[in-house]
Amino acid sequence: MPKIMVAVDSDALAEIHAKLDALSAKIDAVRVAPVPEWMPAGEYAKLAGVTRRTVMNWIAAGRIESSRHGATVMVRANPGA
């Protein structure tokens, strides 16, 4: 692939560097943790990008495994686990 030179004024270059530094800081701050085997239905809903009601409907339809612990409905987060 041929190299291409692009002229950028110093203010624009400084802005690019600042954005790259901010992005780099955000990437460095990310910490990945393993998903627990079971989690509350509301937490599962947030991870799935749906409402808690949708998760409860999935449970009623047998689409996901659940267990009740007192008033808390727990959902198996890792189906094969």
PDB file of N, CA and C in Angstrom:
ATOM      1  N   MET A   1       0.850  -1.167   0.000  1.00  0.00           N
ATOM      2  CA  MET A   1       0.000   0.000   0.000  1.00  0.00           C
ATOM      3  C   MET A   1       0.899   1.234   0.000  1.00  0.00           C
ATOM      4  N   PRO A   2       0.659   2.173  -0.896  1.00  0.00           N
ATOM      5  CA  PRO A   2       1.513   3.363  -0.954  1.00  0.00           C
ATOM      6  C   PRO A   2       1.276   4.281   0.238  1.00  0.00           C
ATOM      7  N   LYS A   3       2.332   4.952   0.668  1.00  0.00           N
ATOM      8  CA  LYS A   3       2.222   5.907   1.769  1.00  0.00           C
ATOM      9  C   LYS A   3       1.741   7.237   1.221  1.00  0.00           C
ATOM     10  N   ILE A   4       0.835   7.866   1.968  1.00  0.00           N
ATOM     11  CA  ILE A   4       0.281   9.155   1.563  1.00  0.00           C
ATOM     12  C   ILE A   4       0.575  10.155   2.672  1.00  0.00           C
ATOM     13  N   MET A   5       1.043  11.321   2.288  1.00  0.00           N
ATOM     14  CA  MET A   5       1.291  12.383   3.262  1.00  0.00           C
ATOM     15  C   MET A   5       0.116  13.357   3.233  1.00  0.00           C
ATOM     16  N   VAL A   6      -0.305  13.762   4.432  1.00  0.00           N
ATOM     17  CA  VAL A   6      -1.414  14.694   4.564  1.00  0.00           C
ATOM     18  C   VAL A   6      -0.941  15.860   5.415  1.00  0.00           C
ATOM     19  N   ALA A   7      -1.232  17.065   4.975  1.00  0.00           N
ATOM     20  CA  ALA A   7      -0.871  18.257   5.735  1.00  0.00           C
ATOM     21  C   ALA A   7      -1.994  18.595   6.700  1.00  0.00           C
ATOM     22  N   VAL A   8      -1.635  18.789   7.980  1.00  0.00           N
ATOM     23  CA  VAL A   8      -2.610  19.133   9.016  1.00  0.00           C
ATOM     24  C   VAL A   8      -2.025  20.281   9.816  1.00  0.00           C
ATOM     25  N   ASP A   9      -2.867  21.306  10.071  1.00  0.00           N
ATOM     26  CA  ASP A   9      -2.325  22.431  10.845  1.00  0.00           C
ATOM     27  C   ASP A   9      -2.113  21.994  12.294  1.00  0.00           C
ATOM     28  N   SER A  10      -1.285  22.731  13.011  1.00  0.00           N
ATOM     29  CA  SER A  10      -0.878  22.314  14.352  1.00  0.00           C
ATOM     30  C   SER A  10      -2.043  22.239  15.333  1.00  0.00           C
ATOM     31  N   ASP A  11      -3.056  23.113  15.208  1.00  0.00           N
ATOM     32  CA  ASP A  11      -4.211  23.065  16.105  1.00  0.00           C
ATOM     33  C   ASP A  11      -5.022  21.783  15.882  1.00  0.00           C
ATOM     34  N   ALA A  12      -5.215  21.431  14.612  1.00  0.00           N
ATOM     35  CA  ALA A  12      -5.951  20.207  14.299  1.00  0.00           C
ATOM     36  C   ALA A  12      -5.180  18.989  14.785  1.00  0.00           C
ATOM     37  N   LEU A  13      -3.865  19.005  14.630  1.00  0.00           N
ATOM     38  CA  LEU A  13      -3.040  17.891  15.092  1.00  0.00           C
ATOM     39  C   LEU A  13      -3.109  17.762  16.612  1.00  0.00           C
ATOM     40  N   ALA A  14      -3.084  18.891  17.310  1.00  0.00           N
ATOM     41  CA  ALA A  14      -3.192  18.875  18.770  1.00  0.00           C
ATOM     42  C   ALA A  14      -4.541  18.301  19.203  1.00  0.00           C
ATOM     43  N   GLU A  15      -5.600  18.633  18.473  1.00  0.00           N
ATOM     44  CA  GLU A  15      -6.939  18.115  18.778  1.00  0.00           C
ATOM     45  C   GLU A  15      -6.988  16.592  18.555  1.00  0.00           C
ATOM     46  N   ILE A  16      -6.361  16.140  17.494  1.00  0.00           N
ATOM     47  CA  ILE A  16      -6.299  14.700  17.214  1.00  0.00           C
ATOM     48  C   ILE A  16      -5.546  13.978  18.331  1.00  0.00           C
ATOM     49  N   HIS A  17      -4.422  14.549  18.748  1.00  0.00           N
ATOM     50  CA  HIS A  17      -3.644  13.939  19.837  1.00  0.00           C
ATOM     51  C   HIS A  17      -4.455  13.887  21.120  1.00  0.00           C
ATOM     52  N   ALA A  18      -5.186  14.953  21.430  1.00  0.00           N
ATOM     53  CA  ALA A  18      -5.990  14.991  22.651  1.00  0.00           C
ATOM     54  C   ALA A  18      -7.083  13.921  22.611  1.00  0.00           C
ATOM     55  N   LYS A  19      -7.719  13.760  21.447  1.00  0.00           N
ATOM     56  CA  LYS A  19      -8.758  12.744  21.314  1.00  0.00           C
ATOM     57  C   LYS A  19      -8.166  11.342  21.447  1.00  0.00           C
ATOM     58  N   LEU A  20      -7.012  11.123  20.851  1.00  0.00           N
ATOM     59  CA  LEU A  20      -6.350   9.822  20.969  1.00  0.00           C
ATOM     60  C   LEU A  20      -5.946   9.526  22.411  1.00  0.00           C
ATOM     61  N   ASP A  21      -5.460  10.537  23.124  1.00  0.00           N
ATOM     62  CA  ASP A  21      -5.095  10.360  24.526  1.00  0.00           C
ATOM     63  C   ASP A  21      -6.323  10.011  25.363  1.00  0.00           C
ATOM     64  N   ALA A  22      -7.445  10.701  25.114  1.00  0.00           N
ATOM     65  CA  ALA A  22      -8.681  10.428  25.853  1.00  0.00           C
ATOM     66  C   ALA A  22      -9.182   9.018  25.555  1.00  0.00           C
ATOM     67  N   LEU A  23      -9.133   8.624  24.295  1.00  0.00           N
ATOM     68  CA  LEU A  23      -9.565   7.288  23.905  1.00  0.00           C
ATOM     69  C   LEU A  23      -8.668   6.226  24.529  1.00  0.00           C
ATOM     70  N   SER A  24      -7.381   6.466  24.529  1.00  0.00           N
ATOM     71  CA  SER A  24      -6.428   5.538  25.123  1.00  0.00           C
ATOM     72  C   SER A  24      -6.697   5.374  26.619  1.00  0.00           C
ATOM     73  N   ALA A  25      -7.007   6.473  27.308  1.00  0.00           N
ATOM     74  CA  ALA A  25      -7.310   6.412  28.741  1.00  0.00           C
ATOM     75  C   ALA A  25      -8.574   5.591  28.991  1.00  0.00           C
ATOM     76  N   LYS A  26      -9.585   5.758  28.147  1.00  0.00           N
ATOM     77  CA  LYS A  26     -10.818   4.981  28.299  1.00  0.00           C
ATOM     78  C   LYS A  26     -10.564   3.495  28.082  1.00  0.00           C
ATOM     79  N   ILE A  27      -9.767   3.178  27.086  1.00  0.00           N
ATOM     80  CA  ILE A  27      -9.444   1.773  26.802  1.00  0.00           C
ATOM     81  C   ILE A  27      -8.674   1.172  27.976  1.00  0.00           C
ATOM     82  N   ASP A  28      -7.718   1.918  28.520  1.00  0.00           N
ATOM     83  CA  ASP A  28      -6.924   1.426  29.647  1.00  0.00           C
ATOM     84  C   ASP A  28      -7.784   1.212  30.891  1.00  0.00           C
ATOM     85  N   ALA A  29      -8.888   1.962  31.030  1.00  0.00           N
ATOM     86  CA  ALA A  29      -9.748   1.865  32.209  1.00  0.00           C
ATOM     87  C   ALA A  29     -10.701   0.668  32.158  1.00  0.00           C
ATOM     88  N   VAL A  30     -10.868   0.062  30.995  1.00  0.00           N
ATOM     89  CA  VAL A  30     -11.798  -1.057  30.855  1.00  0.00           C
ATOM     90  C   VAL A  30     -11.231  -2.289  31.548  1.00  0.00           C
ATOM     91  N   ARG A  31     -12.062  -2.887  32.363  1.00  0.00           N
ATOM     92  CA  ARG A  31     -11.694  -4.128  33.038  1.00  0.00           C
ATOM     93  C   ARG A  31     -12.765  -5.152  32.704  1.00  0.00           C
ATOM     94  N   VAL A  32     -12.360  -6.280  32.186  1.00  0.00           N
ATOM     95  CA  VAL A  32     -13.302  -7.323  31.806  1.00  0.00           C
ATOM     96  C   VAL A  32     -13.345  -8.357  32.925  1.00  0.00           C
ATOM     97  N   ALA A  33     -14.551  -8.613  33.410  1.00  0.00           N
ATOM     98  CA  ALA A  33     -14.737  -9.614  34.458  1.00  0.00           C
ATOM     99  C   ALA A  33     -15.603 -10.731  33.907  1.00  0.00           C
ATOM    100  N   PRO A  34     -15.381 -11.942  34.359  1.00  0.00           N
ATOM    101  CA  PRO A  34     -16.225 -13.039  33.880  1.00  0.00           C
ATOM    102  C   PRO A  34     -17.672 -12.840  34.320  1.00  0.00           C
ATOM    103  N   VAL A  35     -18.588 -13.256  33.480  1.00  0.00           N
ATOM    104  CA  VAL A  35     -20.007 -13.163  33.803  1.00  0.00           C
ATOM    105  C   VAL A  35     -20.316 -14.277  34.798  1.00  0.00           C
ATOM    106  N   PRO A  36     -21.017 -13.949  35.899  1.00  0.00           N
ATOM    107  CA  PRO A  36     -21.347 -14.996  36.865  1.00  0.00           C
ATOM    108  C   PRO A  36     -22.328 -16.003  36.259  1.00  0.00           C
ATOM    109  N   GLU A  37     -22.370 -17.201  36.828  1.00  0.00           N
ATOM    110  CA  GLU A  37     -23.271 -18.226  36.293  1.00  0.00           C
ATOM    111  C   GLU A  37     -24.735 -17.816  36.462  1.00  0.00           C
ATOM    112  N   TRP A  38     -25.080 -17.230  37.597  1.00  0.00           N
ATOM    113  CA  TRP A  38     -26.438 -16.782  37.872  1.00  0.00           C
ATOM    114  C   TRP A  38     -26.416 -15.293  38.208  1.00  0.00           C
ATOM    115  N   MET A  39     -27.448 -14.574  37.789  1.00  0.00           N
ATOM    116  CA  MET A  39     -27.560 -13.153  38.107  1.00  0.00           C
ATOM    117  C   MET A  39     -29.034 -12.776  38.218  1.00  0.00           C
ATOM    118  N   PRO A  40     -29.324 -11.680  38.929  1.00  0.00           N
ATOM    119  CA  PRO A  40     -30.713 -11.243  39.042  1.00  0.00           C
ATOM    120  C   PRO A  40     -31.302 -10.912  37.663  1.00  0.00           C
ATOM    121  N   ALA A  41     -32.600 -11.139  37.514  1.00  0.00           N
ATOM    122  CA  ALA A  41     -33.265 -10.914  36.229  1.00  0.00           C
ATOM    123  C   ALA A  41     -33.080  -9.482  35.717  1.00  0.00           C
ATOM    124  N   GLY A  42     -33.112  -8.507  36.605  1.00  0.00           N
ATOM    125  CA  GLY A  42     -32.928  -7.116  36.189  1.00  0.00           C
ATOM    126  C   GLY A  42     -31.548  -6.846  35.621  1.00  0.00           C
ATOM    127  N   GLU A  43     -30.534  -7.427  36.237  1.00  0.00           N
ATOM    128  CA  GLU A  43     -29.159  -7.282  35.754  1.00  0.00           C
ATOM    129  C   GLU A  43     -29.001  -7.970  34.393  1.00  0.00           C
ATOM    130  N   TYR A  44     -29.604  -9.152  34.266  1.00  0.00           N
ATOM    131  CA  TYR A  44     -29.583  -9.885  32.997  1.00  0.00           C
ATOM    132  C   TYR A  44     -30.239  -9.057  31.901  1.00  0.00           C
ATOM    133  N   ALA A  45     -31.353  -8.404  32.243  1.00  0.00           N
ATOM    134  CA  ALA A  45     -32.062  -7.565  31.273  1.00  0.00           C
ATOM    135  C   ALA A  45     -31.171  -6.428  30.782  1.00  0.00           C
ATOM    136  N   LYS A  46     -30.448  -5.792  31.699  1.00  0.00           N
ATOM    137  CA  LYS A  46     -29.548  -4.701  31.301  1.00  0.00           C
ATOM    138  C   LYS A  46     -28.479  -5.198  30.335  1.00  0.00           C
ATOM    139  N   LEU A  47     -27.884  -6.354  30.648  1.00  0.00           N
ATOM    140  CA  LEU A  47     -26.850  -6.913  29.773  1.00  0.00           C
ATOM    141  C   LEU A  47     -27.410  -7.301  28.408  1.00  0.00           C
ATOM    142  N   ALA A  48     -28.657  -7.792  28.402  1.00  0.00           N
ATOM    143  CA  ALA A  48     -29.279  -8.219  27.141  1.00  0.00           C
ATOM    144  C   ALA A  48     -29.877  -7.049  26.368  1.00  0.00           C
ATOM    145  N   GLY A  49     -29.971  -5.875  27.003  1.00  0.00           N
ATOM    146  CA  GLY A  49     -30.530  -4.698  26.327  1.00  0.00           C
ATOM    147  C   GLY A  49     -32.039  -4.761  26.181  1.00  0.00           C
ATOM    148  N   VAL A  50     -32.702  -5.427  27.138  1.00  0.00           N
ATOM    149  CA  VAL A  50     -34.159  -5.544  27.118  1.00  0.00           C
ATOM    150  C   VAL A  50     -34.694  -5.147  28.491  1.00  0.00           C
ATOM    151  N   THR A  51     -36.009  -5.116  28.616  1.00  0.00           N
ATOM    152  CA  THR A  51     -36.612  -4.795  29.909  1.00  0.00           C
ATOM    153  C   THR A  51     -36.671  -6.029  30.791  1.00  0.00           C
ATOM    154  N   ARG A  52     -36.845  -5.810  32.084  1.00  0.00           N
ATOM    155  CA  ARG A  52     -36.994  -6.923  33.018  1.00  0.00           C
ATOM    156  C   ARG A  52     -38.248  -7.716  32.662  1.00  0.00           C
ATOM    157  N   ARG A  53     -39.288  -7.026  32.223  1.00  0.00           N
ATOM    158  CA  ARG A  53     -40.529  -7.704  31.829  1.00  0.00           C
ATOM    159  C   ARG A  53     -40.274  -8.697  30.697  1.00  0.00           C
ATOM    160  N   THR A  54     -39.444  -8.295  29.735  1.00  0.00           N
ATOM    161  CA  THR A  54     -39.095  -9.192  28.626  1.00  0.00           C
ATOM    162  C   THR A  54     -38.399 -10.442  29.157  1.00  0.00           C
ATOM    163  N   VAL A  55     -37.475 -10.258  30.088  1.00  0.00           N
ATOM    164  CA  VAL A  55     -36.778 -11.398  30.677  1.00  0.00           C
ATOM    165  C   VAL A  55     -37.778 -12.307  31.388  1.00  0.00           C
ATOM    166  N   MET A  56     -38.723 -11.721  32.115  1.00  0.00           N
ATOM    167  CA  MET A  56     -39.733 -12.526  32.802  1.00  0.00           C
ATOM    168  C   MET A  56     -40.591 -13.288  31.788  1.00  0.00           C
ATOM    169  N   ASN A  57     -40.882 -12.666  30.657  1.00  0.00           N
ATOM    170  CA  ASN A  57     -41.626 -13.358  29.595  1.00  0.00           C
ATOM    171  C   ASN A  57     -40.814 -14.527  29.033  1.00  0.00           C
ATOM    172  N   TRP A  58     -39.518 -14.324  28.854  1.00  0.00           N
ATOM    173  CA  TRP A  58     -38.653 -15.396  28.370  1.00  0.00           C
ATOM    174  C   TRP A  58     -38.640 -16.563  29.355  1.00  0.00           C
ATOM    175  N   ILE A  59     -38.613 -16.233  30.652  1.00  0.00           N
ATOM    176  CA  ILE A  59     -38.635 -17.273  31.678  1.00  0.00           C
ATOM    177  C   ILE A  59     -39.948 -18.055  31.580  1.00  0.00           C
ATOM    178  N   ALA A  60     -41.071 -17.337  31.497  1.00  0.00           N
ATOM    179  CA  ALA A  60     -42.390 -17.979  31.407  1.00  0.00           C
ATOM    180  C   ALA A  60     -42.496 -18.866  30.169  1.00  0.00           C
ATOM    181  N   ALA A  61     -41.835 -18.446  29.075  1.00  0.00           N
ATOM    182  CA  ALA A  61     -41.883 -19.213  27.828  1.00  0.00           C
ATOM    183  C   ALA A  61     -40.867 -20.363  27.811  1.00  0.00           C
ATOM    184  N   GLY A  62     -40.035 -20.446  28.850  1.00  0.00           N
ATOM    185  CA  GLY A  62     -39.041 -21.515  28.917  1.00  0.00           C
ATOM    186  C   GLY A  62     -37.797 -21.253  28.096  1.00  0.00           C
ATOM    187  N   ARG A  63     -37.597 -20.019  27.656  1.00  0.00           N
ATOM    188  CA  ARG A  63     -36.434 -19.691  26.832  1.00  0.00           C
ATOM    189  C   ARG A  63     -35.139 -19.608  27.631  1.00  0.00           C
ATOM    190  N   ILE A  64     -35.253 -19.222  28.906  1.00  0.00           N
ATOM    191  CA  ILE A  64     -34.071 -19.142  29.761  1.00  0.00           C
ATOM    192  C   ILE A  64     -34.378 -19.797  31.101  1.00  0.00           C
ATOM    193  N   GLU A  65     -33.355 -20.321  31.732  1.00  0.00           N
ATOM    194  CA  GLU A  65     -33.501 -21.001  33.013  1.00  0.00           C
ATOM    195  C   GLU A  65     -33.483 -19.980  34.141  1.00  0.00           C
ATOM    196  N   SER A  66     -34.330 -20.209  35.144  1.00  0.00           N
ATOM    197  CA  SER A  66     -34.375 -19.288  36.274  1.00  0.00           C
ATOM    198  C   SER A  66     -34.542 -20.045  37.575  1.00  0.00           C
ATOM    199  N   SER A  67     -34.301 -19.340  38.659  1.00  0.00           N
ATOM    200  CA  SER A  67     -34.458 -19.879  39.994  1.00  0.00           C
ATOM    201  C   SER A  67     -34.870 -18.721  40.892  1.00  0.00           C
ATOM    202  N   ARG A  68     -35.740 -18.983  41.827  1.00  0.00           N
ATOM    203  CA  ARG A  68     -36.179 -17.923  42.734  1.00  0.00           C
ATOM    204  C   ARG A  68     -35.465 -18.087  44.072  1.00  0.00           C
ATOM    205  N   HIS A  69     -34.901 -16.995  44.572  1.00  0.00           N
ATOM    206  CA  HIS A  69     -34.250 -16.947  45.876  1.00  0.00           C
ATOM    207  C   HIS A  69     -34.958 -15.872  46.678  1.00  0.00           C
ATOM    208  N   GLY A  70     -35.974 -16.277  47.425  1.00  0.00           N
ATOM    209  CA  GLY A  70     -36.803 -15.303  48.128  1.00  0.00           C
ATOM    210  C   GLY A  70     -37.566 -14.492  47.100  1.00  0.00           C
ATOM    211  N   ALA A  71     -37.439 -13.170  47.167  1.00  0.00           N
ATOM    212  CA  ALA A  71     -38.127 -12.296  46.216  1.00  0.00           C
ATOM    213  C   ALA A  71     -37.308 -12.061  44.954  1.00  0.00           C
ATOM    214  N   THR A  72     -36.083 -12.571  44.912  1.00  0.00           N
ATOM    215  CA  THR A  72     -35.196 -12.323  43.777  1.00  0.00           C
ATOM    216  C   THR A  72     -35.273 -13.453  42.763  1.00  0.00           C
ATOM    217  N   VAL A  73     -35.535 -13.091  41.520  1.00  0.00           N
ATOM    218  CA  VAL A  73     -35.529 -14.071  40.432  1.00  0.00           C
ATOM    219  C   VAL A  73     -34.132 -14.065  39.834  1.00  0.00           C
ATOM    220  N   MET A  74     -33.484 -15.221  39.879  1.00  0.00           N
ATOM    221  CA  MET A  74     -32.143 -15.363  39.328  1.00  0.00           C
ATOM    222  C   MET A  74     -32.241 -16.057  37.980  1.00  0.00           C
ATOM    223  N   VAL A  75     -31.394 -15.631  37.047  1.00  0.00           N
ATOM    224  CA  VAL A  75     -31.387 -16.175  35.692  1.00  0.00           C
ATOM    225  C   VAL A  75     -30.016 -16.767  35.424  1.00  0.00           C
ATOM    226  N   ARG A  76     -29.993 -17.927  34.769  1.00  0.00           N
ATOM    227  CA  ARG A  76     -28.707 -18.513  34.400  1.00  0.00           C
ATOM    228  C   ARG A  76     -28.117 -17.684  33.270  1.00  0.00           C
ATOM    229  N   ALA A  77     -26.989 -17.055  33.554  1.00  0.00           N
ATOM    230  CA  ALA A  77     -26.360 -16.158  32.597  1.00  0.00           C
ATOM    231  C   ALA A  77     -25.569 -16.905  31.539  1.00  0.00           C
ATOM    232  N   ASN A  78     -25.022 -18.055  31.905  1.00  0.00           N
ATOM    233  CA  ASN A  78     -24.241 -18.868  30.989  1.00  0.00           C
ATOM    234  C   ASN A  78     -24.988 -20.180  30.775  1.00  0.00           C
ATOM    235  N   PRO A  79     -25.846 -20.252  29.760  1.00  0.00           N
ATOM    236  CA  PRO A  79     -26.709 -21.413  29.584  1.00  0.00           C
ATOM    237  C   PRO A  79     -25.985 -22.755  29.586  1.00  0.00           C
ATOM    238  N   GLY A  80     -24.802 -22.849  29.073  1.00  0.00           N
ATOM    239  CA  GLY A  80     -24.112 -24.130  29.018  1.00  0.00           C
ATOM    240  C   GLY A  80     -23.312 -24.457  30.260  1.00  0.00           C
ATOM    241  N   ALA A  81     -23.270 -23.535  31.199  1.00  0.00           N
ATOM    242  CA  ALA A  81     -22.409 -23.721  32.382  1.00  0.00           C
ATOM    243  C   ALA A  81     -23.003 -24.672  33.387  1.00  0.00           C
TER     244      ALA A  81
END
